[in-house]
Structure formats: C-alpha cells, structure tokens
Amino acid sequence: MVQERKKIAILGSTGSIGTQTLEVIAANYEHFEVETLTAHNNVELLAQQAVRFQPNAVVIGNKEHYVWLKEALSKHPIKVYAGSDAIAQVAEMPSVDMVVAAMVGFNGLAPVVKAIEAGKHIALANKEILVTAGELVTKLAKKNNVAILPVDSEHSAIFQCLLGEQYNSIEKIILTASGGPFRKKKIEELAHVTKDEALQHPSWKMGAKITIDSATMMNKGLEVIEARWLFDIPAERIDVLIHPQSVIHSMVQFTDGSIKAQLGVPDMKTPIQYALSFPFRFVSNFPRLDFTKYASLTFEKPDVQRFPALALAYQALKDGGNRPCVMNAANEAAVKAFLDGRIGFMDISRFIEKAMQKTTYIEKPTLQQLMETHEETVAYYYSNPA
C-alpha cells in the first residue's frame, strides 16, 4: 500500500525556518506536499514559493500586498487570502495534516491554537507560543490528541534523547547554547556593541530577531520556558550550558547519573525533517558530523551578570501566570527598537526587567487576557522606552 503524502501548512514560509522547511519538502517530495503557505510582508518571495510548490492556498498577512499577490498568481490555481484572520483559518483547513509554526513572535499563537483545536499536529519552531501560553497550549493539545513536535535543534535533541525512556526518571535537562557573538566580551564593552556586530552569530544563520535574542541569551531563556512545557519538567531541573562548538545540541541526565546527548552539525534542516517525518528517519544528504574536525568540545557556565536576559526568563517562569507573556512582549518591543537603532544593546534587558515589574499580573490568564497582556506591554514600552 502506497502511503499518501503528508500535506503541510507552513506559517511563516519566507523566514529562515520556512525556507529551510521547503528545502526539506523539495528533497522528500514523495513524502510531503505543500498545502498552504503564509507570510506577513515578503510578498515577492511568497509568490515565488507558491509558483514553485503550487499550494492549495497562500495568505499574505499584510493586506496591502493582497492585490499584487492575487495578480502575480492569477495564472495559477491557487487561492489567495490576506490578513491575520485568514492565516488562522487556513491553519485549520480540513486538508492540512500538519502545521509548521514558523511565524516569528506572539502573532503565531492564535493560528496555532486554531490548528490544535482542529486536530492538526504541530511542528513547532515558534518558541514564543509555549513561552506565552505554555499551560494553555499543552492542555489544549492533550485534549485534542495533538502532537507538538519540536523543531528547535535543542528541543529536538531532548525529544530524541527521551525516546524509549518513558519508564525512567529524568534528573535534569541540559540545554546547550553557543554563547552568541559576545560570549567573551566584558560587560562594559557590551554597552557599545552595534547592530551589525550583534547579527554576526558564530554558529547559526537565522533571522534578525532570533539572532539578537541569541546575542542577549534571551533565546536560551525562551528555550528554558519552552522546555518546561514540552517535557513537563520544572525550571529548577533545566540547566543551560555554553558549548561554543554547537555540536552537542542538548542532553538529558537520568537519575542513575547517565547522560544522553544528541549530536550533529549546526544545520536546522535535520530537526525540521525529523519533526515532519516522525516517527521515521528519512534518508538525507545533509552534512555529516566529522569528529576529526573538532579537536575538543568545551563547556562553560553562562554569566547572568553579562547576560541578564537568561535570569529574567527563569524569573518569569518562576512567577508564572502572564509574566512570561510580559517578558516576551517586552523583548519583542525592545529588540525591534535595538534593530531600529533607537536603544542600546544593554537597554534590551533593562526594559524587560522594568516591564515585568510594572505590567499587570494575572495568575491564570485566558487566551484573550494573554493577548491583552501583550498589547499592554507593548503600549508600556512606547510610554516608557528603555
């Protein structure tokens, strides 16, 4: 019996994860087909992707681009929609088997909630979804028998290390981090780093927002919160370890002292393909890890004095409620301000801390209250810039 191809909806197809997901699909066309593509502003690339992959539907989030996109695809049998509501609607289309959540930031939450409610399995690359609404989303996924499969290399590594270990107790999870471009800089030097310097990641090629998050180590803080919900483990049993070579993607330590690690070259296509193909491993031509090229693998503890964003993430997770949502919204606003040249690098963490102290706390927020929290925090930024 020939297995039908899995129909994939990619939310955020023009970003780093989205484009690499399409590369994976192109290399495995006998297994996958593109059902839906969405983007926010990059309408020209979205049109190119649509022409190549011939999805059932495309959505451009910015409605100003709708007419251009509609005309560009007029000779193709592709449905064209626009707006954030349309993105949420295509995520729950009956024809979709799996949703790749590759949108950046809080805006990815509503479409993923809709997809889960419709019973769609999620390949999760948007870590902000579990950061802002981890309890809500994981309960909803369990209720609808939906699998959330991690795409982040670190969480994919933990997921793989835990396979077959359902009868064994975890002592702790160890998330590895490259340390970003400023790992060796002194705290007084960090006050003067530029946007261009912050965008030079030593290991990974990523979008601007996540690259800045890596430079501040907020990205690792977001991953700590994501791991708490993905693997149902408390914050005090989640460690972060700097590993500049980025070869060990993460580790799990069990109660007998044994540690399992998942290794590979720094290439996001491997965890993307595994999330799409799980529980199978498809053959790939991705680069292989050559141990002879690594004379040593080194590790060090993160310095939360130089990189306070990591400590702020642990604090937000400890506080619970809508506090991680506040932290995430403040980070999004501050990173944008840094990229726009309006604030300095160290101002990012300072504003996040201030927002966490001042924004209204809600112990058991609903989805609507999380959306209101996000808006309140962004509004707080513009009235109290860092």
Protein backbone atom coordinates (compact mmCIF):
# COMPACT_ATOMS: atom_id res chain seq x y z
CA MET A 1 0.00 0.00 0.00
CA VAL A 2 1.39 3.40 -1.02
CA GLN A 3 1.31 5.94 1.78
CA GLU A 4 -0.28 9.26 0.88
CA ARG A 5 1.91 12.32 1.02
CA LYS A 6 1.55 14.38 4.20
CA LYS A 7 0.02 17.79 3.46
CA ILE A 8 1.91 20.59 5.18
CA ALA A 9 0.85 24.13 6.05
CA ILE A 10 3.82 26.43 6.66
CA LEU A 11 3.02 29.51 8.74
CA GLY A 12 5.89 31.89 8.01
CA SER A 13 7.22 30.30 4.83
CA THR A 14 9.52 33.19 3.86
CA GLY A 15 11.56 33.21 7.08
CA SER A 16 14.64 31.14 7.86
CA ILE A 17 12.77 28.09 9.18
CA GLY A 18 10.08 28.36 6.50
CA THR A 19 12.52 28.43 3.60
CA GLN A 20 14.50 25.51 5.02
CA THR A 21 11.28 23.55 5.53
CA LEU A 22 10.55 24.00 1.84
CA GLU A 23 14.04 22.69 1.04
CA VAL A 24 13.28 19.60 3.13
CA ILE A 25 9.95 19.10 1.35
CA ALA A 26 11.57 19.54 -2.06
CA ALA A 27 14.07 16.81 -1.20
CA ASN A 28 11.29 14.49 0.04
CA TYR A 29 8.52 15.15 -2.43
CA GLU A 30 7.41 11.54 -2.32
CA HIS A 31 6.52 12.03 1.36
CA PHE A 32 5.30 15.63 1.66
CA GLU A 33 3.36 18.22 -0.28
CA VAL A 34 2.74 21.89 0.42
CA GLU A 35 -0.90 22.66 1.17
CA THR A 36 -0.67 26.23 2.48
CA LEU A 37 1.96 28.97 2.66
CA THR A 38 1.74 32.20 4.67
CA ALA A 39 3.94 35.26 5.10
CA HIS A 40 3.50 38.70 6.60
CA ASN A 41 5.34 41.14 4.31
CA ASN A 42 7.71 39.28 1.96
CA VAL A 43 5.15 39.03 -0.82
CA GLU A 44 7.62 38.57 -3.69
CA LEU A 45 9.27 35.53 -2.12
CA LEU A 46 5.86 34.15 -1.15
CA ALA A 47 4.76 34.40 -4.78
CA GLN A 48 7.92 32.62 -5.95
CA GLN A 49 7.36 29.83 -3.43
CA ALA A 50 3.73 29.47 -4.49
CA VAL A 51 4.65 29.19 -8.17
CA ARG A 52 7.22 26.50 -7.40
CA PHE A 53 5.25 24.41 -4.89
CA GLN A 54 1.68 25.03 -6.12
CA PRO A 55 -0.10 25.01 -2.75
CA ASN A 56 -3.86 24.98 -2.40
CA ALA A 57 -3.78 28.42 -0.75
CA VAL A 58 -1.48 31.28 0.22
CA VAL A 59 -2.02 34.08 2.73
CA ILE A 60 -0.23 37.40 3.00
CA GLY A 61 -0.66 38.90 6.46
CA ASN A 62 -0.24 42.50 5.34
CA LYS A 63 -3.43 43.23 3.41
CA GLU A 64 -1.71 45.99 1.44
CA HIS A 65 0.02 43.29 -0.63
CA TYR A 66 -3.14 41.33 -1.48
CA VAL A 67 -3.84 42.85 -4.90
CA TRP A 68 -0.23 42.41 -6.04
CA LEU A 69 -0.15 38.79 -4.86
CA LYS A 70 -3.53 38.00 -6.42
CA GLU A 71 -2.32 39.33 -9.78
CA ALA A 72 1.04 37.57 -9.54
CA LEU A 73 -0.69 34.21 -9.03
CA SER A 74 -3.62 34.84 -11.41
CA LYS A 75 -2.42 32.19 -13.88
CA HIS A 76 -2.20 29.50 -11.17
CA PRO A 77 -5.00 27.54 -9.46
CA ILE A 78 -4.01 28.90 -6.04
CA LYS A 79 -6.42 30.53 -3.61
CA VAL A 80 -5.13 33.88 -2.31
CA TYR A 81 -6.15 35.40 1.02
CA ALA A 82 -4.94 38.23 3.25
CA GLY A 83 -4.95 39.22 6.91
CA SER A 84 -4.22 37.61 10.26
CA ASP A 85 -7.68 36.03 10.49
CA ALA A 86 -7.07 34.26 7.18
CA ILE A 87 -3.78 32.83 8.48
CA ALA A 88 -5.65 31.31 11.41
CA GLN A 89 -8.35 29.96 9.10
CA VAL A 90 -6.01 28.20 6.67
CA ALA A 91 -4.21 26.58 9.63
CA GLU A 92 -7.40 24.65 10.42
CA MET A 93 -8.30 23.65 6.85
CA PRO A 94 -9.53 20.01 6.69
CA SER A 95 -6.96 19.20 4.00
CA VAL A 96 -3.99 20.06 6.25
CA ASP A 97 -2.24 17.18 8.05
CA MET A 98 0.50 19.13 9.85
CA VAL A 99 1.18 22.79 10.61
CA VAL A 100 4.75 24.08 10.71
CA ALA A 101 4.64 27.01 13.15
CA ALA A 102 7.48 29.16 11.83
CA MET A 103 6.00 32.63 12.34
CA VAL A 104 8.15 34.89 14.49
CA GLY A 105 6.79 36.21 17.77
CA PHE A 106 3.47 36.38 19.57
CA ASN A 107 1.44 36.62 16.34
CA GLY A 108 1.94 32.89 15.83
CA LEU A 109 -0.15 31.98 18.88
CA ALA A 110 -3.71 32.42 17.54
CA PRO A 111 -3.19 30.35 14.33
CA VAL A 112 -1.56 27.52 16.28
CA VAL A 113 -4.41 27.46 18.80
CA LYS A 114 -6.87 27.22 15.89
CA ALA A 115 -4.83 24.41 14.32
CA ILE A 116 -4.71 22.45 17.58
CA GLU A 117 -8.46 22.86 18.07
CA ALA A 118 -8.88 21.42 14.56
CA GLY A 119 -6.73 18.41 15.47
CA LYS A 120 -3.66 19.32 13.40
CA HIS A 121 -0.26 18.09 14.57
CA ILE A 122 2.23 20.91 15.11
CA ALA A 123 5.89 21.11 14.10
CA LEU A 124 6.86 23.91 16.48
CA ALA A 125 9.57 26.39 15.57
CA ASN A 126 7.90 29.43 17.14
CA LYS A 127 9.08 29.14 20.74
CA GLU A 128 7.07 32.22 21.80
CA ILE A 129 3.88 30.14 21.60
CA LEU A 130 4.83 27.98 24.58
CA VAL A 131 6.62 30.85 26.30
CA THR A 132 3.50 33.00 26.40
CA ALA A 133 0.81 30.32 26.68
CA GLY A 134 2.53 27.06 27.58
CA GLU A 135 -0.04 25.76 30.06
CA LEU A 136 -2.99 26.69 27.85
CA VAL A 137 -1.48 25.26 24.65
CA THR A 138 -0.25 21.97 26.14
CA LYS A 139 -3.61 21.31 27.81
CA LEU A 140 -5.38 22.05 24.54
CA ALA A 141 -3.06 19.73 22.63
CA LYS A 142 -3.68 16.91 25.10
CA LYS A 143 -7.44 17.44 24.91
CA ASN A 144 -7.37 17.24 21.09
CA ASN A 145 -4.82 14.39 20.92
CA VAL A 146 -2.40 16.62 19.02
CA ALA A 147 1.36 16.04 18.95
CA ILE A 148 3.64 19.05 19.36
CA LEU A 149 6.92 18.10 17.70
CA PRO A 150 9.86 20.43 18.39
CA VAL A 151 11.81 21.94 15.51
CA ASP A 152 14.38 23.87 17.58
CA SER A 153 17.61 21.90 17.47
CA GLU A 154 17.86 21.89 21.28
CA HIS A 155 14.34 20.64 21.92
CA SER A 156 14.53 18.17 19.07
CA ALA A 157 17.68 16.81 20.72
CA ILE A 158 15.93 16.40 24.08
CA PHE A 159 12.92 14.82 22.38
CA GLN A 160 15.19 12.28 20.68
CA CYS A 161 17.10 11.54 23.90
CA LEU A 162 13.82 10.78 25.70
CA LEU A 163 12.52 8.29 23.14
CA GLY A 164 12.31 4.85 24.74
CA GLU A 165 12.82 6.29 28.23
CA GLN A 166 9.18 6.52 29.30
CA TYR A 167 9.80 4.24 32.30
CA ASN A 168 12.87 6.14 33.53
CA SER A 169 13.09 9.29 35.63
CA ILE A 170 14.80 12.46 34.43
CA GLU A 171 17.18 14.18 36.82
CA LYS A 172 17.66 17.23 34.63
CA ILE A 173 17.67 18.59 31.11
CA ILE A 174 20.78 20.39 29.86
CA LEU A 175 20.19 22.94 27.11
CA THR A 176 23.35 23.87 25.25
CA ALA A 177 24.00 27.38 23.94
CA SER A 178 26.65 28.70 21.57
CA GLY A 179 27.11 31.79 23.73
CA GLY A 180 26.41 34.05 20.77
CA PRO A 181 28.78 36.62 19.27
CA PHE A 182 29.57 38.35 22.60
CA ARG A 183 30.49 35.35 24.73
CA LYS A 184 33.95 36.76 25.54
CA LYS A 185 33.09 40.46 25.75
CA LYS A 186 33.29 42.29 29.06
CA ILE A 187 30.13 43.88 30.45
CA GLU A 188 31.43 47.41 29.84
CA GLU A 189 32.06 46.52 26.18
CA LEU A 190 28.50 45.26 25.69
CA ALA A 191 27.13 48.77 26.20
CA HIS A 192 28.74 49.83 22.92
CA VAL A 193 28.13 46.87 20.57
CA THR A 194 26.40 47.63 17.28
CA LYS A 195 23.50 46.01 15.49
CA ASP A 196 25.82 44.63 12.81
CA GLU A 197 28.04 43.04 15.45
CA ALA A 198 25.03 41.52 17.21
CA LEU A 199 23.80 39.99 13.96
CA GLN A 200 27.03 38.03 13.41
CA HIS A 201 26.16 34.69 15.00
CA PRO A 202 29.17 32.33 15.21
CA SER A 203 27.30 29.07 14.53
CA TRP A 204 23.85 29.53 13.02
CA LYS A 205 22.32 31.51 10.15
CA MET A 206 18.97 32.79 11.43
CA GLY A 207 16.56 35.71 11.14
CA ALA A 208 17.37 39.07 12.74
CA LYS A 209 15.11 38.76 15.79
CA ILE A 210 16.29 35.33 16.88
CA THR A 211 19.92 36.31 16.21
CA ILE A 212 19.62 39.29 18.58
CA ASP A 213 17.90 37.01 21.10
CA SER A 214 20.91 34.72 20.86
CA ALA A 215 23.27 37.64 21.43
CA THR A 216 21.42 38.65 24.63
CA MET A 217 20.89 34.97 25.58
CA MET A 218 17.16 35.65 25.76
CA ASN A 219 16.79 32.95 23.12
CA LYS A 220 18.10 30.42 25.62
CA GLY A 221 15.75 31.81 28.25
CA LEU A 222 12.83 31.32 25.90
CA GLU A 223 14.01 27.76 25.31
CA VAL A 224 14.09 27.08 29.06
CA ILE A 225 10.42 28.07 29.29
CA GLU A 226 9.57 26.10 26.16
CA ALA A 227 11.31 23.01 27.56
CA ARG A 228 9.33 23.30 30.79
CA TRP A 229 6.08 22.84 28.85
CA LEU A 230 7.24 20.48 26.13
CA PHE A 231 8.71 17.99 28.58
CA ASP A 232 6.68 18.75 31.73
CA ILE A 233 9.73 19.43 33.88
CA PRO A 234 10.19 22.24 36.45
CA ALA A 235 12.62 25.10 35.90
CA GLU A 236 14.99 24.01 38.68
CA ARG A 237 15.74 20.85 36.68
CA ILE A 238 16.58 22.69 33.45
CA ASP A 239 20.21 23.80 33.13
CA VAL A 240 21.92 25.91 30.48
CA LEU A 241 25.50 25.19 29.43
CA ILE A 242 27.61 27.23 27.00
CA HIS A 243 29.01 24.98 24.25
CA PRO A 244 30.66 27.17 21.58
CA GLN A 245 31.16 24.39 19.02
CA SER A 246 27.36 23.83 18.78
CA VAL A 247 27.87 20.12 18.10
CA ILE A 248 26.02 18.73 21.13
CA HIS A 249 22.53 20.11 20.66
CA SER A 250 21.31 19.25 24.17
CA MET A 251 21.43 16.50 26.79
CA VAL A 252 19.26 14.61 29.27
CA GLN A 253 20.63 13.36 32.60
CA PHE A 254 18.75 10.48 34.24
CA THR A 255 18.51 9.61 37.93
CA ASP A 256 21.16 6.90 37.64
CA GLY A 257 23.66 9.56 36.53
CA SER A 258 23.68 8.53 32.86
CA ILE A 259 23.59 11.31 30.27
CA LYS A 260 22.27 11.01 26.73
CA ALA A 261 23.20 13.62 24.16
CA GLN A 262 22.19 14.24 20.56
CA LEU A 263 24.95 15.44 18.26
CA GLY A 264 25.14 16.80 14.75
CA VAL A 265 26.40 19.69 12.65
CA PRO A 266 24.71 23.08 13.15
CA ASP A 267 22.07 22.59 10.44
CA MET A 268 18.37 23.23 11.07
CA LYS A 269 17.19 21.03 8.20
CA THR A 270 17.88 17.87 10.21
CA PRO A 271 15.48 18.68 13.11
CA ILE A 272 12.96 20.10 10.62
CA GLN A 273 12.92 16.87 8.64
CA TYR A 274 12.67 14.77 11.79
CA ALA A 275 9.65 16.74 13.00
CA LEU A 276 7.93 16.25 9.64
CA SER A 277 8.80 12.57 9.30
CA PHE A 278 8.44 11.38 12.93
CA PRO A 279 8.45 8.55 13.94
CA PHE A 280 10.55 7.72 10.88
CA ARG A 281 14.02 8.91 9.88
CA PHE A 282 14.20 9.61 6.17
CA VAL A 283 17.44 9.40 4.23
CA SER A 284 19.06 12.80 3.72
CA ASN A 285 22.09 14.35 2.07
CA PHE A 286 22.58 16.86 4.89
CA PRO A 287 26.16 17.42 6.11
CA ARG A 288 27.53 14.75 8.45
CA LEU A 289 29.42 15.39 11.66
CA ASP A 290 33.16 14.75 11.26
CA PHE A 291 34.66 14.31 14.72
CA THR A 292 38.19 14.70 13.35
CA LYS A 293 37.43 18.38 12.69
CA TYR A 294 36.81 19.01 16.39
CA ALA A 295 39.95 18.75 18.50
CA SER A 296 37.89 19.43 21.61
CA LEU A 297 34.37 20.15 22.79
CA THR A 298 34.26 22.79 25.51
CA PHE A 299 31.67 23.89 28.07
CA GLU A 300 31.19 26.77 30.49
CA LYS A 301 28.51 28.24 32.71
CA PRO A 302 26.54 31.22 31.41
CA ASP A 303 27.28 34.57 33.05
CA VAL A 304 23.93 36.11 34.01
CA GLN A 305 25.64 39.35 35.07
CA ARG A 306 26.68 40.00 31.48
CA PHE A 307 23.56 38.37 30.04
CA PRO A 308 20.71 39.15 32.48
CA ALA A 309 18.02 38.12 29.98
CA LEU A 310 18.57 34.48 30.89
CA ALA A 311 17.95 35.18 34.59
CA LEU A 312 14.85 37.20 33.69
CA ALA A 313 13.44 34.20 31.81
CA TYR A 314 13.95 31.92 34.80
CA GLN A 315 12.25 34.55 36.98
CA ALA A 316 9.29 34.83 34.58
CA LEU A 317 8.88 31.06 34.61
CA LYS A 318 9.02 31.02 38.42
CA ASP A 319 6.41 33.80 38.64
CA GLY A 320 4.13 32.02 36.17
CA GLY A 321 0.77 33.41 35.11
CA ASN A 322 1.08 36.03 32.39
CA ARG A 323 4.61 37.04 33.43
CA PRO A 324 6.33 35.07 30.63
CA CYS A 325 3.95 36.77 28.19
CA VAL A 326 5.01 40.17 29.56
CA MET A 327 8.68 39.21 29.27
CA ASN A 328 8.23 38.03 25.69
CA ALA A 329 6.29 41.11 24.59
CA ALA A 330 8.83 43.42 26.22
CA ASN A 331 11.64 41.56 24.50
CA GLU A 332 9.95 41.79 21.09
CA ALA A 333 9.46 45.54 21.50
CA ALA A 334 12.98 46.15 22.78
CA VAL A 335 14.68 44.00 20.11
CA LYS A 336 12.81 45.91 17.41
CA ALA A 337 13.92 49.18 18.97
CA PHE A 338 17.54 47.96 19.02
CA LEU A 339 17.37 46.85 15.38
CA ASP A 340 15.88 50.26 14.51
CA GLY A 341 18.79 51.99 16.27
CA ARG A 342 16.62 53.58 18.98
CA ILE A 343 18.19 51.89 22.03
CA GLY A 344 21.46 50.25 23.00
CA PHE A 345 22.17 46.55 23.40
CA MET A 346 22.10 46.51 27.22
CA ASP A 347 18.86 48.52 27.21
CA ILE A 348 17.02 45.42 25.95
CA SER A 349 17.31 43.55 29.25
CA ARG A 350 16.78 46.69 31.29
CA PHE A 351 13.44 47.35 29.66
CA ILE A 352 12.31 43.72 30.01
CA GLU A 353 13.01 43.83 33.75
CA LYS A 354 11.13 47.12 34.11
CA ALA A 355 8.12 45.81 32.17
CA MET A 356 7.97 42.64 34.28
CA GLN A 357 7.82 44.78 37.41
CA LYS A 358 5.19 47.25 36.17
CA THR A 359 2.74 45.31 33.98
CA THR A 360 -0.46 43.87 35.49
CA TYR A 361 -0.04 40.31 36.84
CA ILE A 362 -2.68 37.63 36.11
CA GLU A 363 -2.25 34.25 37.78
CA LYS A 364 -4.45 32.15 35.42
CA PRO A 365 -4.74 34.09 32.15
CA THR A 366 -7.13 33.15 29.35
CA LEU A 367 -6.10 33.41 25.71
CA GLN A 368 -7.87 36.77 25.49
CA GLN A 369 -6.08 38.03 28.59
CA LEU A 370 -2.73 36.96 27.14
CA MET A 371 -3.49 38.98 24.02
CA GLU A 372 -4.40 41.95 26.20
CA THR A 373 -1.20 41.45 28.22
CA HIS A 374 0.85 41.53 25.04
CA GLU A 375 -0.79 44.77 23.92
CA GLU A 376 -0.46 46.32 27.39
CA THR A 377 3.26 45.52 27.49
CA VAL A 378 3.92 46.93 24.01
CA ALA A 379 1.96 50.07 24.96
CA TYR A 380 4.04 50.30 28.14
CA TYR A 381 7.20 50.27 26.04
CA TYR A 382 6.09 53.23 23.94
CA SER A 383 5.16 55.24 27.05
CA ASN A 384 8.31 54.17 28.94
CA PRO A 385 11.05 53.48 26.37
CA ALA A 386 14.21 51.83 27.62
